[in-house]
Amino acid sequence: MDTPIIHVDMDAFFAAVEMRDNPELRGKPVIIGGDPRRDVRSVVSTASYEARKYGIHSAMPLIQAWRLCPQGVFMRGNMQKYAAVSQQIMQVFQRYTPLVEPISIDEAFLDVRGCERLFGPPQEIARAIRQAVAEETGLTCSVGVAANKFLAKLASDLDKPDGLTVIPSNQVEEILHPLPVGKLWGVGERTGDKLREMGIDTIGQLALLDKSLLTAAFGKLGEHLWHLARGLDERRVVTSHGVKSVSRETTFAQDVRDEDEIRATLLDLSEDVARRLRKKGLTAGTVTVKLRFGNFKTITRQGSLSAPAALTKPIYTRAVELWEKAATGGRGLRLLGVGASNLNRHGGSQQLTLFAEPDDGREQIIAETMDQLSARYGKDVVRRAAVLKTKQDDDSR
């Protein structure tokens, strides 16, 4: 392999931690997400493999999971405990390579170039990591080894739980092409339906299409899918050391003065920034707000967070404070942006401060659930009610 990449995905992570710590739960269907009798609007965060036999999966409404398996063990979960175990796992990865990119609390990419002299070929490194994680945490993980990130993640999903799959470079088409198109990154329910309407059910069928046809049908996503269908993915493993800041901004069609719309936009931007921080396994210590007025004058305001964060609430709260202090004087805004900097990787002495507020555990559950929904259906499928209300108001004007 030119660039050996390993993808490690913990098996039913939250549920597995609970079963490890409470042996009475082993062998039972465990569903993390809340109490279906009280948290009627909550969704499943994680389901044990025993629960999955009943058709329960992440992002499913909790009440639906309860109807499928009323005898299941439903739990709210403990995000502080899961974060501590996650940090322990990431430290195992760091022993084998400094090039580790966490993409959520329970999975990461590892670039093991140049590590063969110390630890052997990539598949041996993968075996050693699985063994170390099992011995040190009592948990299992599924591991994929391939020449790029897409194929490595695909491989880890082919033999779950507690599996190890290697996709050799000369067997990519043989393994990839028979799989359903839903296995491609970026193919959610809507895109999958559209592809099937075009007569495309497998990755191999998609690989036969011209790039121009896919681009015409799906835009940039079409080009992305064209490359993935051929097993091509040039993205590198990015550690926190390579990321200085995370930001997002939006330009309004017309200058905006309405405070409710500005607050809702700040919430939407903060949500996106927080999600990207979590995806990269980072926390931020500083928030920046960017304001551009109708005359193109641009100002920025920056402030520190009371504790490093990767949740929407603290980032949004600070962003609103910075906007209010900017004293815009009612001037219309042409552009609004939110950024996060002073970044650090999850864990260490900062991890405890992540959950200093009483409701942060709930916020973390919400964040994990929204991340899962976004990954499955696209980031625009699930949004905060305040953002949706403002959009509906705009559409009705």
Protein backbone atom coordinates (compact mmCIF):
# COMPACT_ATOMS: atom_id res chain seq x y z
CA MET A 1 0.00 0.00 0.00
CA ASP A 2 1.33 3.41 -0.98
CA THR A 3 -0.30 5.18 1.98
CA PRO A 4 -1.54 2.61 4.50
CA ILE A 5 -4.54 3.96 6.40
CA ILE A 6 -6.23 2.26 9.33
CA HIS A 7 -9.78 3.04 10.42
CA VAL A 8 -10.82 1.96 13.92
CA ASP A 9 -14.49 1.95 14.90
CA MET A 10 -15.54 0.94 18.41
CA ASP A 11 -18.39 -1.57 18.49
CA ALA A 12 -21.69 -0.16 19.86
CA PHE A 13 -19.47 2.07 21.98
CA PHE A 14 -21.80 3.65 24.56
CA ALA A 15 -23.74 0.42 25.11
CA ALA A 16 -20.52 -1.61 25.26
CA VAL A 17 -19.11 0.64 28.01
CA GLU A 18 -22.30 0.20 30.05
CA MET A 19 -22.23 -3.59 29.62
CA ARG A 20 -18.56 -3.69 30.57
CA ASP A 21 -19.24 -1.76 33.77
CA ASN A 22 -22.42 -3.68 34.63
CA PRO A 23 -22.05 -7.39 33.82
CA GLU A 24 -25.78 -7.92 34.46
CA LEU A 25 -26.45 -6.08 31.19
CA ARG A 26 -24.41 -8.48 29.07
CA GLY A 27 -26.48 -10.36 26.56
CA LYS A 28 -29.42 -7.98 26.96
CA PRO A 29 -30.70 -5.44 24.43
CA VAL A 30 -29.25 -2.14 25.70
CA ILE A 31 -30.43 1.14 24.16
CA ILE A 32 -28.71 4.43 25.00
CA GLY A 33 -30.76 7.58 24.51
CA GLY A 34 -33.12 8.02 27.43
CA ASP A 35 -36.30 6.77 29.04
CA PRO A 36 -38.97 6.28 26.34
CA ARG A 37 -41.70 6.95 28.91
CA ARG A 38 -40.30 10.41 29.66
CA ASP A 39 -38.00 11.39 26.79
CA VAL A 40 -40.70 10.95 24.17
CA ARG A 41 -38.93 13.18 21.64
CA SER A 42 -35.48 11.64 22.06
CA VAL A 43 -33.78 9.28 19.63
CA VAL A 44 -31.48 6.30 20.00
CA SER A 45 -27.84 7.27 20.40
CA THR A 46 -26.42 3.73 20.45
CA ALA A 47 -27.96 0.26 20.41
CA SER A 48 -26.16 -2.90 21.48
CA TYR A 49 -25.92 -5.71 18.94
CA GLU A 50 -28.57 -7.60 20.91
CA ALA A 51 -30.91 -4.61 20.44
CA ARG A 52 -30.10 -4.37 16.74
CA LYS A 53 -31.60 -7.82 16.23
CA TYR A 54 -34.96 -6.15 16.87
CA GLY A 55 -34.35 -3.61 14.09
CA ILE A 56 -33.22 -0.84 16.43
CA HIS A 57 -30.54 1.52 15.14
CA SER A 58 -28.94 4.88 15.90
CA ALA A 59 -31.10 7.96 15.26
CA MET A 60 -34.33 5.95 15.53
CA PRO A 61 -37.02 7.69 17.63
CA LEU A 62 -36.82 6.28 21.15
CA ILE A 63 -40.53 5.55 21.30
CA GLN A 64 -40.23 3.45 18.13
CA ALA A 65 -37.33 1.51 19.65
CA TRP A 66 -39.44 0.84 22.74
CA ARG A 67 -42.29 -0.50 20.60
CA LEU A 68 -39.87 -2.84 18.83
CA CYS A 69 -38.26 -4.02 22.05
CA PRO A 70 -40.22 -3.09 25.21
CA GLN A 71 -38.11 -5.52 27.23
CA GLY A 72 -34.92 -3.63 26.32
CA VAL A 73 -32.78 -1.80 28.86
CA PHE A 74 -33.14 1.92 28.09
CA MET A 75 -30.51 4.28 29.53
CA ARG A 76 -29.71 7.99 29.26
CA GLY A 77 -25.99 7.28 29.24
CA ASN A 78 -23.01 9.01 30.81
CA MET A 79 -21.11 11.17 28.34
CA GLN A 80 -18.37 12.08 30.79
CA LYS A 81 -17.56 8.39 31.26
CA TYR A 82 -17.65 7.72 27.52
CA ALA A 83 -15.33 10.68 26.86
CA ALA A 84 -12.82 9.37 29.41
CA VAL A 85 -12.82 5.92 27.78
CA SER A 86 -12.48 7.56 24.36
CA GLN A 87 -9.38 9.40 25.53
CA GLN A 88 -7.92 6.12 26.79
CA ILE A 89 -8.49 4.56 23.36
CA MET A 90 -6.96 7.52 21.50
CA GLN A 91 -3.86 7.18 23.66
CA VAL A 92 -3.51 3.59 22.46
CA PHE A 93 -3.57 4.82 18.86
CA GLN A 94 -0.92 7.46 19.61
CA ARG A 95 1.51 4.73 20.68
CA TYR A 96 1.59 3.41 17.12
CA THR A 97 1.57 6.65 15.10
CA PRO A 98 1.37 10.39 15.76
CA LEU A 99 -0.90 10.75 12.71
CA VAL A 100 -4.28 10.14 14.34
CA GLU A 101 -7.48 11.87 13.20
CA PRO A 102 -10.48 11.26 15.49
CA ILE A 103 -13.70 11.69 13.52
CA SER A 104 -16.04 11.09 16.46
CA ILE A 105 -15.86 10.00 20.07
CA ASP A 106 -15.55 6.35 19.04
CA GLU A 107 -13.65 6.20 15.75
CA ALA A 108 -10.48 7.49 14.15
CA PHE A 109 -8.20 7.28 11.14
CA LEU A 110 -4.52 6.41 11.54
CA ASP A 111 -1.81 7.01 8.95
CA VAL A 112 0.86 4.36 9.62
CA ARG A 113 3.39 5.35 6.97
CA GLY A 114 6.90 4.76 8.23
CA CYS A 115 5.73 2.72 11.22
CA GLU A 116 6.49 -0.68 9.68
CA ARG A 117 10.06 -0.78 10.97
CA LEU A 118 8.84 -0.52 14.54
CA PHE A 119 5.57 -2.44 14.44
CA GLY A 120 5.48 -4.50 11.25
CA PRO A 121 3.15 -4.26 8.22
CA PRO A 122 -0.17 -2.36 8.47
CA GLN A 123 -2.28 -5.45 9.11
CA GLU A 124 -0.02 -6.42 12.02
CA ILE A 125 -0.33 -2.90 13.44
CA ALA A 126 -4.10 -3.22 13.15
CA ARG A 127 -4.06 -6.53 15.03
CA ALA A 128 -1.86 -5.05 17.75
CA ILE A 129 -4.21 -2.09 18.16
CA ARG A 130 -7.28 -4.35 18.45
CA GLN A 131 -5.53 -6.43 21.07
CA ALA A 132 -4.30 -3.41 23.05
CA VAL A 133 -7.74 -1.79 23.06
CA ALA A 134 -9.36 -5.03 24.23
CA GLU A 135 -6.79 -5.62 26.98
CA GLU A 136 -6.74 -2.04 28.28
CA THR A 137 -10.42 -1.13 28.01
CA GLY A 138 -12.29 -4.42 27.88
CA LEU A 139 -13.97 -3.30 24.65
CA THR A 140 -13.92 -4.57 21.08
CA CYS A 141 -13.40 -2.59 17.91
CA SER A 142 -13.66 -3.23 14.19
CA VAL A 143 -10.68 -2.27 12.06
CA GLY A 144 -10.20 -1.63 8.36
CA VAL A 145 -6.89 -1.35 6.50
CA ALA A 146 -6.62 0.08 2.99
CA ALA A 147 -4.80 2.58 0.79
CA ASN A 148 -7.07 5.54 1.62
CA LYS A 149 -9.61 6.82 4.14
CA PHE A 150 -12.74 5.85 2.23
CA LEU A 151 -11.65 2.26 1.66
CA ALA A 152 -10.35 1.88 5.23
CA LYS A 153 -13.67 3.02 6.70
CA LEU A 154 -15.54 0.79 4.28
CA ALA A 155 -13.34 -2.14 5.32
CA SER A 156 -14.00 -1.65 9.03
CA ASP A 157 -17.73 -1.92 8.34
CA LEU A 158 -17.47 -5.21 6.45
CA ASP A 159 -16.76 -7.41 9.47
CA LYS A 160 -18.50 -6.11 12.59
CA PRO A 161 -18.27 -6.54 15.49
CA ASP A 162 -14.69 -7.29 16.51
CA GLY A 163 -13.43 -7.74 12.96
CA LEU A 164 -10.35 -6.91 10.90
CA THR A 165 -10.60 -6.44 7.14
CA VAL A 166 -7.80 -5.57 4.73
CA ILE A 167 -8.58 -4.31 1.21
CA PRO A 168 -5.47 -4.92 -0.93
CA SER A 169 -4.93 -2.41 -3.72
CA ASN A 170 -5.28 -5.12 -6.38
CA GLN A 171 -8.68 -6.24 -5.04
CA VAL A 172 -10.45 -2.89 -4.72
CA GLU A 173 -12.90 -3.39 -7.60
CA GLU A 174 -13.57 -7.01 -6.62
CA ILE A 175 -14.60 -5.95 -3.09
CA LEU A 176 -16.08 -2.53 -3.81
CA HIS A 177 -18.18 -2.91 -6.94
CA PRO A 178 -20.72 -5.54 -5.73
CA LEU A 179 -21.67 -3.37 -2.74
CA PRO A 180 -24.86 -1.24 -2.70
CA VAL A 181 -24.43 2.45 -3.55
CA GLY A 182 -25.51 3.33 -0.01
CA LYS A 183 -22.02 2.31 1.14
CA LEU A 184 -20.55 5.41 -0.56
CA TRP A 185 -19.92 8.48 1.58
CA GLY A 186 -22.43 11.12 0.65
CA VAL A 187 -25.18 8.74 -0.44
CA GLY A 188 -28.03 9.29 1.97
CA GLU A 189 -31.64 8.27 1.57
CA ARG A 190 -32.50 10.98 -0.97
CA THR A 191 -29.40 10.50 -3.15
CA GLY A 192 -29.80 6.73 -2.95
CA ASP A 193 -33.40 6.96 -4.16
CA LYS A 194 -32.36 9.17 -7.07
CA LEU A 195 -29.59 6.77 -8.08
CA ARG A 196 -31.98 3.82 -7.97
CA GLU A 197 -34.40 5.76 -10.17
CA MET A 198 -31.50 5.99 -12.63
CA GLY A 199 -31.13 2.20 -12.45
CA ILE A 200 -28.03 2.34 -10.27
CA ASP A 201 -28.10 -0.15 -7.38
CA THR A 202 -24.45 -1.12 -6.95
CA ILE A 203 -21.18 0.78 -6.76
CA GLY A 204 -19.99 -1.12 -9.82
CA GLN A 205 -22.91 0.18 -11.87
CA LEU A 206 -22.17 3.72 -10.75
CA ALA A 207 -18.50 3.31 -11.68
CA LEU A 208 -19.53 2.70 -15.30
CA LEU A 209 -21.19 6.12 -15.62
CA ASP A 210 -19.44 9.11 -17.15
CA LYS A 211 -18.33 11.74 -14.69
CA SER A 212 -20.22 14.39 -16.68
CA LEU A 213 -23.51 12.52 -16.22
CA LEU A 214 -23.07 12.30 -12.45
CA THR A 215 -22.00 15.94 -12.22
CA ALA A 216 -25.05 17.03 -14.20
CA ALA A 217 -27.33 15.05 -11.88
CA PHE A 218 -25.68 15.78 -8.51
CA GLY A 219 -23.25 18.67 -8.96
CA LYS A 220 -20.02 18.44 -6.93
CA LEU A 221 -21.40 15.40 -5.11
CA GLY A 222 -21.54 13.58 -8.44
CA GLU A 223 -17.81 14.09 -9.03
CA HIS A 224 -17.14 12.97 -5.45
CA LEU A 225 -19.15 9.77 -6.00
CA TRP A 226 -17.42 9.11 -9.33
CA HIS A 227 -14.04 9.06 -7.58
CA LEU A 228 -15.22 6.94 -4.64
CA ALA A 229 -16.79 4.36 -6.97
CA ARG A 230 -13.29 3.83 -8.35
CA GLY A 231 -11.79 3.53 -4.88
CA LEU A 232 -10.12 6.94 -5.15
CA ASP A 233 -9.81 9.26 -2.14
CA GLU A 234 -6.96 11.76 -1.86
CA ARG A 235 -7.82 13.15 1.57
CA ARG A 236 -5.02 12.93 4.10
CA VAL A 237 -5.22 12.08 7.77
CA VAL A 238 -5.33 15.46 9.53
CA THR A 239 -4.28 15.78 13.16
CA SER A 240 -5.27 18.65 15.43
CA HIS A 241 -1.79 20.12 14.89
CA GLY A 242 -2.73 20.82 11.27
CA VAL A 243 -5.92 22.71 12.11
CA LYS A 244 -5.67 26.24 13.50
CA SER A 245 -9.34 27.25 13.39
CA VAL A 246 -12.79 26.15 12.29
CA SER A 247 -15.24 28.70 10.92
CA ARG A 248 -18.34 29.19 8.84
CA GLU A 249 -19.98 32.30 7.44
CA THR A 250 -23.01 33.17 5.34
CA THR A 251 -23.87 36.07 3.04
CA PHE A 252 -27.48 37.25 3.17
CA ALA A 253 -29.48 37.87 0.01
CA GLN A 254 -30.53 41.20 1.54
CA ASP A 255 -29.06 43.16 4.43
CA VAL A 256 -30.52 41.83 7.69
CA ARG A 257 -31.51 43.94 10.70
CA ASP A 258 -34.01 41.64 12.40
CA GLU A 259 -32.48 40.49 15.70
CA ASP A 260 -34.37 37.19 15.76
CA GLU A 261 -33.02 36.31 12.32
CA ILE A 262 -29.49 37.26 13.36
CA ARG A 263 -29.73 35.10 16.50
CA ALA A 264 -31.09 32.17 14.51
CA THR A 265 -28.28 32.53 11.97
CA LEU A 266 -25.69 32.64 14.76
CA LEU A 267 -27.24 29.44 16.12
CA ASP A 268 -27.06 27.73 12.74
CA LEU A 269 -23.43 28.81 12.23
CA SER A 270 -22.46 27.78 15.78
CA GLU A 271 -24.11 24.39 15.26
CA ASP A 272 -22.05 23.77 12.14
CA VAL A 273 -18.79 24.91 13.75
CA ALA A 274 -19.42 22.72 16.81
CA ARG A 275 -20.21 19.69 14.64
CA ARG A 276 -17.00 20.14 12.67
CA LEU A 277 -15.01 20.44 15.90
CA ARG A 278 -16.46 17.17 17.16
CA LYS A 279 -15.80 15.49 13.84
CA LYS A 280 -12.13 16.45 14.11
CA GLY A 281 -11.97 15.46 17.78
CA LEU A 282 -11.20 19.03 18.87
CA THR A 283 -12.34 21.55 21.45
CA ALA A 284 -12.13 25.33 21.11
CA GLY A 285 -11.12 27.91 23.69
CA THR A 286 -11.93 31.03 21.67
CA VAL A 287 -14.93 32.19 19.62
CA THR A 288 -14.83 34.86 16.90
CA VAL A 289 -17.78 36.66 15.30
CA LYS A 290 -17.39 38.33 11.91
CA LEU A 291 -19.79 41.11 10.86
CA ARG A 292 -19.90 42.74 7.42
CA PHE A 293 -22.27 45.63 6.84
CA GLY A 294 -24.04 46.85 3.73
CA ASN A 295 -21.20 49.28 2.97
CA PHE A 296 -18.76 46.31 3.05
CA LYS A 297 -17.11 47.48 6.26
CA THR A 298 -16.08 44.37 8.20
CA ILE A 299 -15.41 44.02 11.92
CA THR A 300 -14.53 41.01 14.07
CA ARG A 301 -14.98 40.42 17.77
CA GLN A 302 -13.24 37.69 19.71
CA GLY A 303 -13.73 36.25 23.19
CA SER A 304 -12.64 33.29 25.29
CA LEU A 305 -14.87 30.49 26.50
CA SER A 306 -15.00 29.71 30.21
CA ALA A 307 -13.92 26.16 29.34
CA PRO A 308 -12.83 24.40 26.11
CA ALA A 309 -15.93 23.25 24.25
CA ALA A 310 -17.17 21.38 21.19
CA LEU A 311 -20.87 21.83 21.93
CA THR A 312 -23.24 24.29 20.28
CA LYS A 313 -24.56 25.94 23.45
CA PRO A 314 -21.34 27.56 24.79
CA ILE A 315 -20.17 28.58 21.31
CA TYR A 316 -23.54 30.11 20.45
CA THR A 317 -23.89 31.86 23.81
CA ARG A 318 -20.47 33.49 23.40
CA ALA A 319 -21.19 34.40 19.77
CA VAL A 320 -24.40 36.20 20.78
CA GLU A 321 -22.55 38.09 23.51
CA LEU A 322 -19.89 39.21 21.03
CA TRP A 323 -22.51 40.33 18.51
CA GLU A 324 -24.41 42.29 21.15
CA LYS A 325 -21.23 44.00 22.34
CA ALA A 326 -20.32 44.99 18.78
CA ALA A 327 -23.01 47.71 18.98
CA THR A 328 -24.07 47.53 15.33
CA GLY A 329 -26.52 50.38 15.86
CA GLY A 330 -29.22 48.73 13.82
CA ARG A 331 -27.10 48.71 10.67
CA GLY A 332 -28.02 45.96 8.24
CA LEU A 333 -25.70 42.95 8.08
CA ARG A 334 -24.55 41.68 4.71
CA LEU A 335 -22.47 38.82 6.11
CA LEU A 336 -22.29 36.97 9.41
CA GLY A 337 -19.66 34.47 10.49
CA VAL A 338 -18.71 32.37 13.52
CA GLY A 339 -15.25 30.92 14.10
CA ALA A 340 -13.55 28.78 16.74
CA SER A 341 -9.83 28.82 17.51
CA ASN A 342 -7.34 28.03 20.27
CA LEU A 343 -7.99 24.39 19.45
CA ASN A 344 -7.00 21.34 21.43
CA ARG A 345 -7.69 17.65 21.12
CA HIS A 346 -10.36 16.14 23.34
CA GLY A 347 -9.08 14.75 26.59
CA GLY A 348 -6.40 15.35 29.19
CA SER A 349 -6.97 17.97 31.84
CA GLN A 350 -9.50 19.74 29.63
CA GLN A 351 -11.86 16.81 29.33
CA LEU A 352 -13.39 17.30 32.77
CA THR A 353 -14.29 20.91 31.99
CA LEU A 354 -16.31 19.80 28.98
CA PHE A 355 -19.10 18.74 31.31
CA ALA A 356 -18.89 21.44 33.96
CA GLU A 357 -22.46 22.65 33.35
CA PRO A 358 -25.29 20.49 34.75
CA ASP A 359 -27.01 20.10 31.37
CA ASP A 360 -23.87 19.45 29.33
CA GLY A 361 -24.48 15.69 29.45
CA ARG A 362 -27.85 16.26 27.77
CA GLU A 363 -26.26 18.68 25.29
CA GLN A 364 -23.66 16.05 24.42
CA ILE A 365 -26.35 13.42 23.83
CA ILE A 366 -28.18 15.88 21.57
CA ALA A 367 -24.94 16.63 19.74
CA GLU A 368 -24.10 12.96 19.19
CA THR A 369 -27.62 12.28 17.95
CA MET A 370 -27.57 15.22 15.53
CA ASP A 371 -24.14 14.10 14.27
CA GLN A 372 -25.49 10.63 13.55
CA LEU A 373 -28.57 11.99 11.79
CA SER A 374 -26.43 14.36 9.74
CA ALA A 375 -24.05 11.58 8.75
CA ARG A 376 -26.92 9.36 7.70
CA TYR A 377 -29.27 11.81 6.00
CA GLY A 378 -27.25 14.97 5.38
CA LYS A 379 -26.52 17.93 7.61
CA ASP A 380 -29.58 19.92 6.52
CA VAL A 381 -32.05 17.20 7.54
CA VAL A 382 -31.88 17.94 11.27
CA ARG A 383 -31.77 21.54 12.49
CA ARG A 384 -32.65 23.48 15.62
CA ALA A 385 -36.27 24.62 15.87
CA ALA A 386 -35.26 28.30 16.11
CA VAL A 387 -33.40 28.04 12.80
CA LEU A 388 -36.28 26.28 11.08
CA LYS A 389 -38.78 28.85 12.35
CA THR A 390 -36.74 31.72 10.95
CA LYS A 391 -36.39 29.96 7.60
CA GLN A 392 -40.13 29.35 7.47
CA ASP A 393 -40.77 33.02 8.28
CA ASP A 394 -38.42 34.02 5.45
CA ASP A 395 -40.12 31.67 3.01
CA SER A 396 -43.52 33.12 3.86
CA ARG A 397 -42.46 36.71 3.14
